Amino acid sequence: MSVITEKTLLEDIKINTTSLVGSATSTYGLITLDTDPKLIISANANRKNCIIQANSTNTVISYLGYDNTVSSTNFVVSLNAGDIYSQEGYLGDFYISNSIVTEKCTFGEV
């Protein structure tokens, strides 16, 4: 177990913000999901990283994939309430789907 000091925390912040330099865009938001696959993050040639989180109040599993065929039987990652998915290096689209139209999801990319 490592001890986090103010110095190490500041060094971590410096490292993390330095790695973001050069990113041309930064987007984030909250969307309401649908039973049909929904484009959550569009392809971006300048993307460094992205993060997607299923809302903590969701009641069903959300399914994440790379195209509009994502479903409960065809997905890359399944997200339970509160789950977070992060991916570096992938520059294409992200789609998400679930079985209830009132569920929510947050997303961001840099």
PDB file of N, CA and C in Angstrom:
ATOM      1  N   MET A   1       0.839  -1.161   0.000  1.00  0.00           N
ATOM      2  CA  MET A   1       0.000   0.000   0.000  1.00  0.00           C
ATOM      3  C   MET A   1       0.893   1.235   0.000  1.00  0.00           C
ATOM      4  N   SER A   2       0.657   2.146  -0.933  1.00  0.00           N
ATOM      5  CA  SER A   2       1.465   3.353  -0.995  1.00  0.00           C
ATOM      6  C   SER A   2       0.744   4.501  -0.298  1.00  0.00           C
ATOM      7  N   VAL A   3       1.541   5.390   0.229  1.00  0.00           N
ATOM      8  CA  VAL A   3       1.008   6.561   0.910  1.00  0.00           C
ATOM      9  C   VAL A   3       0.954   7.709  -0.083  1.00  0.00           C
ATOM     10  N   ILE A   4      -0.196   8.358  -0.165  1.00  0.00           N
ATOM     11  CA  ILE A   4      -0.347   9.500  -1.057  1.00  0.00           C
ATOM     12  C   ILE A   4      -0.058  10.756  -0.259  1.00  0.00           C
ATOM     13  N   THR A   5       0.960  11.458  -0.699  1.00  0.00           N
ATOM     14  CA  THR A   5       1.285  12.732  -0.071  1.00  0.00           C
ATOM     15  C   THR A   5       0.891  13.851  -1.019  1.00  0.00           C
ATOM     16  N   GLU A   6       0.926  15.067  -0.519  1.00  0.00           N
ATOM     17  CA  GLU A   6       0.600  16.203  -1.373  1.00  0.00           C
ATOM     18  C   GLU A   6       1.558  16.254  -2.558  1.00  0.00           C
ATOM     19  N   LYS A   7       2.840  15.959  -2.321  1.00  0.00           N
ATOM     20  CA  LYS A   7       3.833  15.991  -3.393  1.00  0.00           C
ATOM     21  C   LYS A   7       3.516  14.946  -4.467  1.00  0.00           C
ATOM     22  N   THR A   8       3.223  13.700  -4.066  1.00  0.00           N
ATOM     23  CA  THR A   8       2.934  12.670  -5.067  1.00  0.00           C
ATOM     24  C   THR A   8       1.640  12.956  -5.793  1.00  0.00           C
ATOM     25  N   LEU A   9       0.654  13.516  -5.093  1.00  0.00           N
ATOM     26  CA  LEU A   9      -0.607  13.864  -5.739  1.00  0.00           C
ATOM     27  C   LEU A   9      -0.378  14.939  -6.794  1.00  0.00           C
ATOM     28  N   LEU A  10       0.401  15.949  -6.474  1.00  0.00           N
ATOM     29  CA  LEU A  10       0.702  17.011  -7.440  1.00  0.00           C
ATOM     30  C   LEU A  10       1.499  16.468  -8.621  1.00  0.00           C
ATOM     31  N   GLU A  11       2.415  15.535  -8.371  1.00  0.00           N
ATOM     32  CA  GLU A  11       3.172  14.930  -9.466  1.00  0.00           C
ATOM     33  C   GLU A  11       2.244  14.130 -10.378  1.00  0.00           C
ATOM     34  N   ASP A  12       1.302  13.384  -9.787  1.00  0.00           N
ATOM     35  CA  ASP A  12       0.336  12.627 -10.579  1.00  0.00           C
ATOM     36  C   ASP A  12      -0.514  13.557 -11.436  1.00  0.00           C
ATOM     37  N   ILE A  13      -0.965  14.656 -10.852  1.00  0.00           N
ATOM     38  CA  ILE A  13      -1.766  15.613 -11.614  1.00  0.00           C
ATOM     39  C   ILE A  13      -0.959  16.174 -12.769  1.00  0.00           C
ATOM     40  N   LYS A  14       0.297  16.517 -12.516  1.00  0.00           N
ATOM     41  CA  LYS A  14       1.158  17.053 -13.576  1.00  0.00           C
ATOM     42  C   LYS A  14       1.337  16.023 -14.693  1.00  0.00           C
ATOM     43  N   ILE A  15       1.585  14.779 -14.343  1.00  0.00           N
ATOM     44  CA  ILE A  15       1.751  13.725 -15.351  1.00  0.00           C
ATOM     45  C   ILE A  15       0.467  13.542 -16.151  1.00  0.00           C
ATOM     46  N   ASN A  16      -0.669  13.461 -15.465  1.00  0.00           N
ATOM     47  CA  ASN A  16      -1.933  13.228 -16.155  1.00  0.00           C
ATOM     48  C   ASN A  16      -2.319  14.386 -17.068  1.00  0.00           C
ATOM     49  N   THR A  17      -2.100  15.623 -16.644  1.00  0.00           N
ATOM     50  CA  THR A  17      -2.458  16.747 -17.506  1.00  0.00           C
ATOM     51  C   THR A  17      -1.474  16.880 -18.657  1.00  0.00           C
ATOM     52  N   THR A  18      -0.222  16.520 -18.441  1.00  0.00           N
ATOM     53  CA  THR A  18       0.756  16.566 -19.527  1.00  0.00           C
ATOM     54  C   THR A  18       0.385  15.581 -20.628  1.00  0.00           C
ATOM     55  N   SER A  19      -0.122  14.419 -20.256  1.00  0.00           N
ATOM     56  CA  SER A  19      -0.472  13.418 -21.267  1.00  0.00           C
ATOM     57  C   SER A  19      -1.662  13.850 -22.115  1.00  0.00           C
ATOM     58  N   LEU A  20      -2.434  14.838 -21.644  1.00  0.00           N
ATOM     59  CA  LEU A  20      -3.587  15.311 -22.400  1.00  0.00           C
ATOM     60  C   LEU A  20      -3.221  16.393 -23.414  1.00  0.00           C
ATOM     61  N   VAL A  21      -2.049  16.974 -23.273  1.00  0.00           N
ATOM     62  CA  VAL A  21      -1.632  18.034 -24.189  1.00  0.00           C
ATOM     63  C   VAL A  21      -1.598  17.473 -25.605  1.00  0.00           C
ATOM     64  N   GLY A  22      -2.139  18.215 -26.542  1.00  0.00           N
ATOM     65  CA  GLY A  22      -2.153  17.770 -27.929  1.00  0.00           C
ATOM     66  C   GLY A  22      -3.504  17.245 -28.360  1.00  0.00           C
ATOM     67  N   SER A  23      -4.386  16.975 -27.419  1.00  0.00           N
ATOM     68  CA  SER A  23      -5.728  16.542 -27.771  1.00  0.00           C
ATOM     69  C   SER A  23      -6.482  17.720 -28.374  1.00  0.00           C
ATOM     70  N   ALA A  24      -7.045  17.524 -29.549  1.00  0.00           N
ATOM     71  CA  ALA A  24      -7.706  18.618 -30.250  1.00  0.00           C
ATOM     72  C   ALA A  24      -9.111  18.875 -29.717  1.00  0.00           C
ATOM     73  N   THR A  25      -9.736  17.868 -29.133  1.00  0.00           N
ATOM     74  CA  THR A  25     -11.107  18.050 -28.663  1.00  0.00           C
ATOM     75  C   THR A  25     -11.284  17.395 -27.308  1.00  0.00           C
ATOM     76  N   SER A  26     -12.276  17.849 -26.605  1.00  0.00           N
ATOM     77  CA  SER A  26     -12.665  17.245 -25.341  1.00  0.00           C
ATOM     78  C   SER A  26     -14.181  17.360 -25.254  1.00  0.00           C
ATOM     79  N   THR A  27     -14.854  16.224 -25.172  1.00  0.00           N
ATOM     80  CA  THR A  27     -16.309  16.236 -25.093  1.00  0.00           C
ATOM     81  C   THR A  27     -16.770  15.359 -23.941  1.00  0.00           C
ATOM     82  N   TYR A  28     -17.923  15.686 -23.387  1.00  0.00           N
ATOM     83  CA  TYR A  28     -18.509  14.866 -22.342  1.00  0.00           C
ATOM     84  C   TYR A  28     -19.997  15.158 -22.269  1.00  0.00           C
ATOM     85  N   GLY A  29     -20.728  14.275 -21.609  1.00  0.00           N
ATOM     86  CA  GLY A  29     -22.159  14.498 -21.497  1.00  0.00           C
ATOM     87  C   GLY A  29     -22.890  13.369 -20.805  1.00  0.00           C
ATOM     88  N   LEU A  30     -24.186  13.547 -20.703  1.00  0.00           N
ATOM     89  CA  LEU A  30     -25.100  12.572 -20.122  1.00  0.00           C
ATOM     90  C   LEU A  30     -26.183  12.305 -21.154  1.00  0.00           C
ATOM     91  N   ILE A  31     -26.448  11.040 -21.435  1.00  0.00           N
ATOM     92  CA  ILE A  31     -27.493  10.706 -22.398  1.00  0.00           C
ATOM     93  C   ILE A  31     -28.484   9.732 -21.776  1.00  0.00           C
ATOM     94  N   THR A  32     -29.696   9.749 -22.312  1.00  0.00           N
ATOM     95  CA  THR A  32     -30.700   8.754 -21.956  1.00  0.00           C
ATOM     96  C   THR A  32     -30.619   7.651 -22.991  1.00  0.00           C
ATOM     97  N   LEU A  33     -30.524   6.425 -22.524  1.00  0.00           N
ATOM     98  CA  LEU A  33     -30.354   5.289 -23.417  1.00  0.00           C
ATOM     99  C   LEU A  33     -31.667   4.879 -24.059  1.00  0.00           C
ATOM    100  N   ASP A  34     -31.544   4.029 -25.042  1.00  0.00           N
ATOM    101  CA  ASP A  34     -32.682   3.587 -25.829  1.00  0.00           C
ATOM    102  C   ASP A  34     -32.570   2.083 -26.020  1.00  0.00           C
ATOM    103  N   THR A  35     -33.657   1.450 -26.411  1.00  0.00           N
ATOM    104  CA  THR A  35     -33.612   0.020 -26.694  1.00  0.00           C
ATOM    105  C   THR A  35     -32.904  -0.242 -28.018  1.00  0.00           C
ATOM    106  N   ASP A  36     -32.846   0.759 -28.886  1.00  0.00           N
ATOM    107  CA  ASP A  36     -32.055   0.647 -30.121  1.00  0.00           C
ATOM    108  C   ASP A  36     -30.645   1.149 -29.827  1.00  0.00           C
ATOM    109  N   PRO A  37     -29.637   0.585 -30.481  1.00  0.00           N
ATOM    110  CA  PRO A  37     -28.276   1.072 -30.266  1.00  0.00           C
ATOM    111  C   PRO A  37     -28.180   2.577 -30.531  1.00  0.00           C
ATOM    112  N   LYS A  38     -27.492   3.264 -29.653  1.00  0.00           N
ATOM    113  CA  LYS A  38     -27.364   4.710 -29.747  1.00  0.00           C
ATOM    114  C   LYS A  38     -25.883   5.083 -29.819  1.00  0.00           C
ATOM    115  N   LEU A  39     -25.541   5.962 -30.749  1.00  0.00           N
ATOM    116  CA  LEU A  39     -24.173   6.451 -30.859  1.00  0.00           C
ATOM    117  C   LEU A  39     -23.885   7.319 -29.646  1.00  0.00           C
ATOM    118  N   ILE A  40     -22.915   6.916 -28.843  1.00  0.00           N
ATOM    119  CA  ILE A  40     -22.593   7.675 -27.634  1.00  0.00           C
ATOM    120  C   ILE A  40     -21.353   8.538 -27.830  1.00  0.00           C
ATOM    121  N   ILE A  41     -20.347   8.027 -28.556  1.00  0.00           N
ATOM    122  CA  ILE A  41     -19.145   8.798 -28.866  1.00  0.00           C
ATOM    123  C   ILE A  41     -18.809   8.555 -30.335  1.00  0.00           C
ATOM    124  N   SER A  42     -18.741   9.627 -31.101  1.00  0.00           N
ATOM    125  CA  SER A  42     -18.419   9.520 -32.532  1.00  0.00           C
ATOM    126  C   SER A  42     -16.922   9.301 -32.728  1.00  0.00           C
ATOM    127  N   ALA A  43     -16.591   8.721 -33.861  1.00  0.00           N
ATOM    128  CA  ALA A  43     -15.188   8.515 -34.226  1.00  0.00           C
ATOM    129  C   ALA A  43     -14.439   9.843 -34.143  1.00  0.00           C
ATOM    130  N   ASN A  44     -13.195   9.770 -33.677  1.00  0.00           N
ATOM    131  CA  ASN A  44     -12.383  10.964 -33.508  1.00  0.00           C
ATOM    132  C   ASN A  44     -10.911  10.590 -33.665  1.00  0.00           C
ATOM    133  N   ALA A  45     -10.298  11.048 -34.737  1.00  0.00           N
ATOM    134  CA  ALA A  45      -8.900  10.718 -35.014  1.00  0.00           C
ATOM    135  C   ALA A  45      -7.943  11.317 -33.986  1.00  0.00           C
ATOM    136  N   ASN A  46      -8.397  12.294 -33.213  1.00  0.00           N
ATOM    137  CA  ASN A  46      -7.539  12.944 -32.220  1.00  0.00           C
ATOM    138  C   ASN A  46      -7.769  12.441 -30.796  1.00  0.00           C
ATOM    139  N   ARG A  47      -8.611  11.440 -30.628  1.00  0.00           N
ATOM    140  CA  ARG A  47      -8.933  10.938 -29.287  1.00  0.00           C
ATOM    141  C   ARG A  47      -7.706  10.315 -28.630  1.00  0.00           C
ATOM    142  N   LYS A  48      -7.497  10.683 -27.378  1.00  0.00           N
ATOM    143  CA  LYS A  48      -6.442  10.074 -26.564  1.00  0.00           C
ATOM    144  C   LYS A  48      -7.020   8.949 -25.707  1.00  0.00           C
ATOM    145  N   ASN A  49      -8.192   9.213 -25.147  1.00  0.00           N
ATOM    146  CA  ASN A  49      -8.814   8.256 -24.238  1.00  0.00           C
ATOM    147  C   ASN A  49     -10.304   8.572 -24.142  1.00  0.00           C
ATOM    148  N   CYS A  50     -11.075   7.600 -23.734  1.00  0.00           N
ATOM    149  CA  CYS A  50     -12.492   7.852 -23.476  1.00  0.00           C
ATOM    150  C   CYS A  50     -12.912   7.056 -22.256  1.00  0.00           C
ATOM    151  N   ILE A  51     -13.999   7.530 -21.646  1.00  0.00           N
ATOM    152  CA  ILE A  51     -14.547   6.865 -20.475  1.00  0.00           C
ATOM    153  C   ILE A  51     -16.066   6.890 -20.583  1.00  0.00           C
ATOM    154  N   ILE A  52     -16.690   5.785 -20.223  1.00  0.00           N
ATOM    155  CA  ILE A  52     -18.144   5.653 -20.274  1.00  0.00           C
ATOM    156  C   ILE A  52     -18.584   5.035 -18.953  1.00  0.00           C
ATOM    157  N   GLN A  53     -19.622   5.620 -18.329  1.00  0.00           N
ATOM    158  CA  GLN A  53     -20.114   5.091 -17.063  1.00  0.00           C
ATOM    159  C   GLN A  53     -21.622   4.949 -17.102  1.00  0.00           C
ATOM    160  N   ALA A  54     -22.088   3.774 -16.692  1.00  0.00           N
ATOM    161  CA  ALA A  54     -23.524   3.556 -16.518  1.00  0.00           C
ATOM    162  C   ALA A  54     -23.948   4.276 -15.238  1.00  0.00           C
ATOM    163  N   ASN A  55     -25.054   4.991 -15.302  1.00  0.00           N
ATOM    164  CA  ASN A  55     -25.555   5.742 -14.152  1.00  0.00           C
ATOM    165  C   ASN A  55     -25.755   4.799 -12.969  1.00  0.00           C
ATOM    166  N   SER A  56     -25.444   5.280 -11.784  1.00  0.00           N
ATOM    167  CA  SER A  56     -25.537   4.443 -10.582  1.00  0.00           C
ATOM    168  C   SER A  56     -26.969   4.041 -10.241  1.00  0.00           C
ATOM    169  N   THR A  57     -27.960   4.715 -10.819  1.00  0.00           N
ATOM    170  CA  THR A  57     -29.356   4.366 -10.550  1.00  0.00           C
ATOM    171  C   THR A  57     -29.967   3.462 -11.617  1.00  0.00           C
ATOM    172  N   ASN A  58     -29.185   3.083 -12.623  1.00  0.00           N
ATOM    173  CA  ASN A  58     -29.697   2.180 -13.664  1.00  0.00           C
ATOM    174  C   ASN A  58     -30.143   0.858 -13.048  1.00  0.00           C
ATOM    175  N   THR A  59     -31.123   0.234 -13.676  1.00  0.00           N
ATOM    176  CA  THR A  59     -31.665  -1.015 -13.139  1.00  0.00           C
ATOM    177  C   THR A  59     -31.391  -2.231 -14.026  1.00  0.00           C
ATOM    178  N   VAL A  60     -30.883  -1.995 -15.235  1.00  0.00           N
ATOM    179  CA  VAL A  60     -30.553  -3.103 -16.133  1.00  0.00           C
ATOM    180  C   VAL A  60     -29.139  -2.921 -16.680  1.00  0.00           C
ATOM    181  N   ILE A  61     -28.621  -3.960 -17.295  1.00  0.00           N
ATOM    182  CA  ILE A  61     -27.282  -3.930 -17.881  1.00  0.00           C
ATOM    183  C   ILE A  61     -27.318  -3.128 -19.184  1.00  0.00           C
ATOM    184  N   SER A  62     -26.295  -2.295 -19.385  1.00  0.00           N
ATOM    185  CA  SER A  62     -26.110  -1.579 -20.653  1.00  0.00           C
ATOM    186  C   SER A  62     -25.011  -2.286 -21.426  1.00  0.00           C
ATOM    187  N   TYR A  63     -25.143  -2.314 -22.749  1.00  0.00           N
ATOM    188  CA  TYR A  63     -24.198  -3.025 -23.596  1.00  0.00           C
ATOM    189  C   TYR A  63     -23.478  -2.044 -24.510  1.00  0.00           C
ATOM    190  N   LEU A  64     -22.155  -2.113 -24.523  1.00  0.00           N
ATOM    191  CA  LEU A  64     -21.320  -1.195 -25.282  1.00  0.00           C
ATOM    192  C   LEU A  64     -20.666  -1.942 -26.432  1.00  0.00           C
ATOM    193  N   GLY A  65     -20.637  -1.303 -27.601  1.00  0.00           N
ATOM    194  CA  GLY A  65     -20.006  -1.909 -28.770  1.00  0.00           C
ATOM    195  C   GLY A  65     -19.485  -0.859 -29.731  1.00  0.00           C
ATOM    196  N   TYR A  66     -18.919  -1.316 -30.835  1.00  0.00           N
ATOM    197  CA  TYR A  66     -18.282  -0.423 -31.796  1.00  0.00           C
ATOM    198  C   TYR A  66     -19.162  -0.061 -32.991  1.00  0.00           C
ATOM    199  N   ASP A  67     -20.349  -0.653 -33.076  1.00  0.00           N
ATOM    200  CA  ASP A  67     -21.234  -0.309 -34.197  1.00  0.00           C
ATOM    201  C   ASP A  67     -22.691  -0.452 -33.770  1.00  0.00           C
ATOM    202  N   ASN A  68     -23.601  -0.171 -34.685  1.00  0.00           N
ATOM    203  CA  ASN A  68     -25.025  -0.156 -34.341  1.00  0.00           C
ATOM    204  C   ASN A  68     -25.667  -1.542 -34.286  1.00  0.00           C
ATOM    205  N   THR A  69     -24.856  -2.579 -34.231  1.00  0.00           N
ATOM    206  CA  THR A  69     -25.405  -3.928 -34.041  1.00  0.00           C
ATOM    207  C   THR A  69     -25.282  -4.384 -32.589  1.00  0.00           C
ATOM    208  N   VAL A  70     -24.812  -3.499 -31.708  1.00  0.00           N
ATOM    209  CA  VAL A  70     -24.631  -3.861 -30.299  1.00  0.00           C
ATOM    210  C   VAL A  70     -25.972  -4.287 -29.682  1.00  0.00           C
ATOM    211  N   SER A  71     -25.909  -5.363 -28.897  1.00  0.00           N
ATOM    212  CA  SER A  71     -27.114  -5.901 -28.255  1.00  0.00           C
ATOM    213  C   SER A  71     -26.688  -6.753 -27.060  1.00  0.00           C
ATOM    214  N   SER A  72     -27.648  -7.353 -26.403  1.00  0.00           N
ATOM    215  CA  SER A  72     -27.333  -8.203 -25.253  1.00  0.00           C
ATOM    216  C   SER A  72     -26.594  -9.477 -25.651  1.00  0.00           C
ATOM    217  N   THR A  73     -26.565  -9.800 -26.931  1.00  0.00           N
ATOM    218  CA  THR A  73     -25.841 -10.979 -27.404  1.00  0.00           C
ATOM    219  C   THR A  73     -24.648 -10.623 -28.289  1.00  0.00           C
ATOM    220  N   ASN A  74     -24.440  -9.328 -28.544  1.00  0.00           N
ATOM    221  CA  ASN A  74     -23.335  -8.870 -29.403  1.00  0.00           C
ATOM    222  C   ASN A  74     -22.796  -7.562 -28.823  1.00  0.00           C
ATOM    223  N   PHE A  75     -21.777  -7.672 -27.981  1.00  0.00           N
ATOM    224  CA  PHE A  75     -21.257  -6.490 -27.307  1.00  0.00           C
ATOM    225  C   PHE A  75     -19.780  -6.657 -26.982  1.00  0.00           C
ATOM    226  N   VAL A  76     -19.120  -5.534 -26.683  1.00  0.00           N
ATOM    227  CA  VAL A  76     -17.721  -5.547 -26.269  1.00  0.00           C
ATOM    228  C   VAL A  76     -17.642  -5.610 -24.747  1.00  0.00           C
ATOM    229  N   VAL A  77     -18.462  -4.796 -24.090  1.00  0.00           N
ATOM    230  CA  VAL A  77     -18.470  -4.707 -22.631  1.00  0.00           C
ATOM    231  C   VAL A  77     -19.909  -4.551 -22.143  1.00  0.00           C
ATOM    232  N   SER A  78     -20.235  -5.198 -21.034  1.00  0.00           N
ATOM    233  CA  SER A  78     -21.534  -4.971 -20.396  1.00  0.00           C
ATOM    234  C   SER A  78     -21.297  -4.155 -19.128  1.00  0.00           C
ATOM    235  N   LEU A  79     -22.168  -3.177 -18.903  1.00  0.00           N
ATOM    236  CA  LEU A  79     -22.015  -2.272 -17.767  1.00  0.00           C
ATOM    237  C   LEU A  79     -23.214  -2.378 -16.830  1.00  0.00           C
ATOM    238  N   ASN A  80     -22.968  -2.790 -15.604  1.00  0.00           N
ATOM    239  CA  ASN A  80     -23.990  -2.736 -14.560  1.00  0.00           C
ATOM    240  C   ASN A  80     -24.040  -1.316 -14.014  1.00  0.00           C
ATOM    241  N   ALA A  81     -25.028  -1.013 -13.208  1.00  0.00           N
ATOM    242  CA  ALA A  81     -25.161   0.319 -12.612  1.00  0.00           C
ATOM    243  C   ALA A  81     -23.855   0.737 -11.949  1.00  0.00           C
ATOM    244  N   GLY A  82     -23.366   1.923 -12.318  1.00  0.00           N
ATOM    245  CA  GLY A  82     -22.148   2.463 -11.733  1.00  0.00           C
ATOM    246  C   GLY A  82     -20.850   1.997 -12.364  1.00  0.00           C
ATOM    247  N   ASP A  83     -20.897   0.972 -13.218  1.00  0.00           N
ATOM    248  CA  ASP A  83     -19.673   0.479 -13.856  1.00  0.00           C
ATOM    249  C   ASP A  83     -19.073   1.535 -14.778  1.00  0.00           C
ATOM    250  N   ILE A  84     -17.750   1.518 -14.871  1.00  0.00           N
ATOM    251  CA  ILE A  84     -17.010   2.457 -15.711  1.00  0.00           C
ATOM    252  C   ILE A  84     -16.157   1.672 -16.702  1.00  0.00           C
ATOM    253  N   TYR A  85     -16.142   2.136 -17.945  1.00  0.00           N
ATOM    254  CA  TYR A  85     -15.292   1.547 -18.975  1.00  0.00           C
ATOM    255  C   TYR A  85     -14.422   2.658 -19.548  1.00  0.00           C
ATOM    256  N   SER A  86     -13.134   2.392 -19.681  1.00  0.00           N
ATOM    257  CA  SER A  86     -12.199   3.356 -20.243  1.00  0.00           C
ATOM    258  C   SER A  86     -11.362   2.649 -21.306  1.00  0.00           C
ATOM    259  N   GLN A  87     -11.074   3.365 -22.397  1.00  0.00           N
ATOM    260  CA  GLN A  87     -10.271   2.756 -23.457  1.00  0.00           C
ATOM    261  C   GLN A  87      -9.371   3.797 -24.108  1.00  0.00           C
ATOM    262  N   GLU A  88      -8.101   3.435 -24.232  1.00  0.00           N
ATOM    263  CA  GLU A  88      -7.127   4.259 -24.945  1.00  0.00           C
ATOM    264  C   GLU A  88      -6.880   3.664 -26.317  1.00  0.00           C
ATOM    265  N   GLY A  89      -6.591   4.512 -27.278  1.00  0.00           N
ATOM    266  CA  GLY A  89      -6.128   4.039 -28.565  1.00  0.00           C
ATOM    267  C   GLY A  89      -7.187   3.725 -29.600  1.00  0.00           C
ATOM    268  N   TYR A  90      -8.426   3.519 -29.206  1.00  0.00           N
ATOM    269  CA  TYR A  90      -9.489   3.243 -30.171  1.00  0.00           C
ATOM    270  C   TYR A  90     -10.073   4.568 -30.631  1.00  0.00           C
ATOM    271  N   LEU A  91     -10.103   4.788 -31.943  1.00  0.00           N
ATOM    272  CA  LEU A  91     -10.516   6.073 -32.501  1.00  0.00           C
ATOM    273  C   LEU A  91     -11.901   6.046 -33.134  1.00  0.00           C
ATOM    274  N   GLY A  92     -12.550   4.885 -33.164  1.00  0.00           N
ATOM    275  CA  GLY A  92     -13.835   4.733 -33.840  1.00  0.00           C
ATOM    276  C   GLY A  92     -15.034   5.077 -32.971  1.00  0.00           C
ATOM    277  N   ASP A  93     -16.222   4.747 -33.497  1.00  0.00           N
ATOM    278  CA  ASP A  93     -17.492   5.002 -32.815  1.00  0.00           C
ATOM    279  C   ASP A  93     -17.681   4.086 -31.617  1.00  0.00           C
ATOM    280  N   PHE A  94     -18.456   4.561 -30.639  1.00  0.00           N
ATOM    281  CA  PHE A  94     -18.951   3.753 -29.534  1.00  0.00           C
ATOM    282  C   PHE A  94     -20.472   3.834 -29.541  1.00  0.00           C
ATOM    283  N   TYR A  95     -21.122   2.681 -29.486  1.00  0.00           N
ATOM    284  CA  TYR A  95     -22.578   2.597 -29.394  1.00  0.00           C
ATOM    285  C   TYR A  95     -22.944   1.925 -28.083  1.00  0.00           C
ATOM    286  N   ILE A  96     -24.137   2.240 -27.582  1.00  0.00           N
ATOM    287  CA  ILE A  96     -24.599   1.636 -26.341  1.00  0.00           C
ATOM    288  C   ILE A  96     -26.096   1.327 -26.462  1.00  0.00           C
ATOM    289  N   SER A  97     -26.513   0.266 -25.806  1.00  0.00           N
ATOM    290  CA  SER A  97     -27.915  -0.148 -25.870  1.00  0.00           C
ATOM    291  C   SER A  97     -28.289  -0.840 -24.566  1.00  0.00           C
ATOM    292  N   ASN A  98     -29.573  -0.802 -24.237  1.00  0.00           N
ATOM    293  CA  ASN A  98     -30.102  -1.601 -23.135  1.00  0.00           C
ATOM    294  C   ASN A  98     -31.591  -1.819 -23.340  1.00  0.00           C
ATOM    295  N   SER A  99     -32.266  -2.397 -22.355  1.00  0.00           N
ATOM    296  CA  SER A  99     -33.666  -2.785 -22.553  1.00  0.00           C
ATOM    297  C   SER A  99     -34.685  -1.801 -21.983  1.00  0.00           C
ATOM    298  N   ILE A 100     -34.236  -0.705 -21.393  1.00  0.00           N
ATOM    299  CA  ILE A 100     -35.150   0.287 -20.820  1.00  0.00           C
ATOM    300  C   ILE A 100     -34.786   1.671 -21.357  1.00  0.00           C
ATOM    301  N   VAL A 101     -35.778   2.447 -21.771  1.00  0.00           N
ATOM    302  CA  VAL A 101     -35.499   3.741 -22.394  1.00  0.00           C
ATOM    303  C   VAL A 101     -35.215   4.867 -21.401  1.00  0.00           C
ATOM    304  N   THR A 102     -35.323   4.630 -20.113  1.00  0.00           N
ATOM    305  CA  THR A 102     -35.084   5.706 -19.147  1.00  0.00           C
ATOM    306  C   THR A 102     -33.716   5.628 -18.479  1.00  0.00           C
ATOM    307  N   GLU A 103     -32.929   4.630 -18.784  1.00  0.00           N
ATOM    308  CA  GLU A 103     -31.596   4.493 -18.181  1.00  0.00           C
ATOM    309  C   GLU A 103     -30.678   5.593 -18.726  1.00  0.00           C
ATOM    310  N   LYS A 104     -29.629   5.908 -17.974  1.00  0.00           N
ATOM    311  CA  LYS A 104     -28.735   6.986 -18.345  1.00  0.00           C
ATOM    312  C   LYS A 104     -27.279   6.532 -18.353  1.00  0.00           C
ATOM    313  N   CYS A 105     -26.465   7.293 -19.056  1.00  0.00           N
ATOM    314  CA  CYS A 105     -25.045   6.980 -19.175  1.00  0.00           C
ATOM    315  C   CYS A 105     -24.281   8.277 -19.363  1.00  0.00           C
ATOM    316  N   THR A 106     -23.120   8.378 -18.732  1.00  0.00           N
ATOM    317  CA  THR A 106     -22.240   9.535 -18.950  1.00  0.00           C
ATOM    318  C   THR A 106     -21.057   9.085 -19.794  1.00  0.00           C
ATOM    319  N   PHE A 107     -20.474  10.035 -20.494  1.00  0.00           N
ATOM    320  CA  PHE A 107     -19.336   9.722 -21.344  1.00  0.00           C
ATOM    321  C   PHE A 107     -18.414  10.931 -21.427  1.00  0.00           C
ATOM    322  N   GLY A 108     -17.189  10.660 -21.788  1.00  0.00           N
ATOM    323  CA  GLY A 108     -16.222  11.730 -21.997  1.00  0.00           C
ATOM    324  C   GLY A 108     -15.079  11.225 -22.848  1.00  0.00           C
ATOM    325  N   GLU A 109     -14.460  12.167 -23.555  1.00  0.00           N
ATOM    326  CA  GLU A 109     -13.263  11.823 -24.321  1.00  0.00           C
ATOM    327  C   GLU A 109     -12.323  13.008 -24.336  1.00  0.00           C
ATOM    328  N   VAL A 110     -11.064  12.694 -24.429  1.00  0.00           N
ATOM    329  CA  VAL A 110     -10.039  13.726 -24.580  1.00  0.00           C
ATOM    330  C   VAL A 110      -9.071  13.297 -25.666  1.00  0.00           C
TER     331      VAL A 110
END
